[in-house]
Amino acid sequence: MDICDETLNKIGENADSIVSRLQPRDEITLTGAAPIPVYLVVFHIVVHRFKKVYYDNEMYNLLIARH
C-alpha cells in the first residue's frame, strides 16, 4: 500500500465516523475544495446512507445521486 492509499483509507475512516454520527435525514450536500479521489471516497460512504446526495460549489448545485 502506498502513501496515497493510506491517506485515502484514513480519509474514508474519518468520513465514516463523522457521517455515522449525523442525525438521520434524507439528503446530504458535499461541498468545498477537495481532490476528486477524496470526493469519490466520501461519496461511496454517503450514497448508501442518504436518499439524495448533492454536490455544491461556486459553479454548480447538482443532484448527483437519488434512490
Protein backbone atom coordinates (compact mmCIF):
# COMPACT_ATOMS: atom_id res chain seq x y z
CA MET A 1 0.00 0.00 0.00
CA ASP A 2 1.43 3.36 -0.94
CA ILE A 3 1.04 6.69 0.84
CA CYS A 4 -1.91 7.70 -1.34
CA ASP A 5 -3.83 4.51 -0.45
CA GLU A 6 -3.08 5.00 3.24
CA THR A 7 -4.24 8.61 3.08
CA LEU A 8 -7.47 7.80 1.26
CA ASN A 9 -8.19 4.95 3.68
CA LYS A 10 -7.74 7.32 6.63
CA ILE A 11 -9.99 9.91 4.98
CA GLY A 12 -12.60 7.19 4.49
CA GLU A 13 -12.38 6.10 8.11
CA ASN A 14 -12.74 9.69 9.32
CA ALA A 15 -15.62 10.44 6.95
CA ASP A 16 -17.42 7.25 8.00
CA SER A 17 -17.02 8.22 11.65
CA ILE A 18 -18.46 11.70 11.02
CA VAL A 19 -21.35 10.52 8.84
CA SER A 20 -22.33 7.80 11.32
CA ARG A 21 -22.86 10.48 13.99
CA LEU A 22 -25.16 12.64 11.85
CA GLN A 23 -28.85 12.75 12.63
CA PRO A 24 -30.83 10.64 10.13
CA ARG A 25 -32.15 12.64 7.21
CA ASP A 26 -32.98 12.17 3.54
CA GLU A 27 -30.26 14.23 1.88
CA ILE A 28 -26.71 15.50 2.21
CA THR A 29 -24.65 18.05 0.29
CA LEU A 30 -20.95 17.61 -0.45
CA THR A 31 -19.15 20.91 -0.84
CA GLY A 32 -15.75 22.53 -0.53
CA ALA A 33 -12.48 22.18 -2.36
CA ALA A 34 -11.02 18.68 -2.41
CA PRO A 35 -9.25 16.43 -4.90
CA ILE A 36 -11.55 14.14 -6.89
CA PRO A 37 -10.30 10.93 -5.17
CA VAL A 38 -11.38 12.39 -1.82
CA TYR A 39 -14.87 13.14 -3.16
CA LEU A 40 -15.13 9.60 -4.51
CA VAL A 41 -14.25 8.09 -1.14
CA VAL A 42 -16.75 10.29 0.69
CA PHE A 43 -19.41 9.75 -1.97
CA HIS A 44 -19.07 5.99 -1.55
CA ILE A 45 -19.80 6.40 2.16
CA VAL A 46 -22.78 8.75 1.89
CA VAL A 47 -24.53 7.33 -1.17
CA HIS A 48 -25.79 4.30 0.77
CA ARG A 49 -26.99 6.32 3.78
CA PHE A 50 -28.94 9.16 2.17
CA LYS A 51 -31.73 9.18 -0.39
CA LYS A 52 -30.28 12.22 -2.17
CA VAL A 53 -26.68 13.39 -2.48
CA TYR A 54 -25.91 16.87 -3.80
CA TYR A 55 -22.65 18.47 -4.86
CA ASP A 56 -22.43 22.23 -4.40
CA ASN A 57 -19.67 24.71 -5.21
CA GLU A 58 -19.48 28.22 -6.63
CA MET A 59 -20.34 26.95 -10.13
CA TYR A 60 -22.74 24.04 -9.56
CA ASN A 61 -25.50 22.82 -7.32
CA LEU A 62 -26.08 19.31 -8.63
CA LEU A 63 -28.10 16.33 -7.54
CA ILE A 64 -25.55 13.54 -8.06
CA ALA A 65 -27.42 10.54 -6.61
CA ARG A 66 -31.04 9.74 -5.87
CA HIS A 67 -32.52 6.43 -4.86
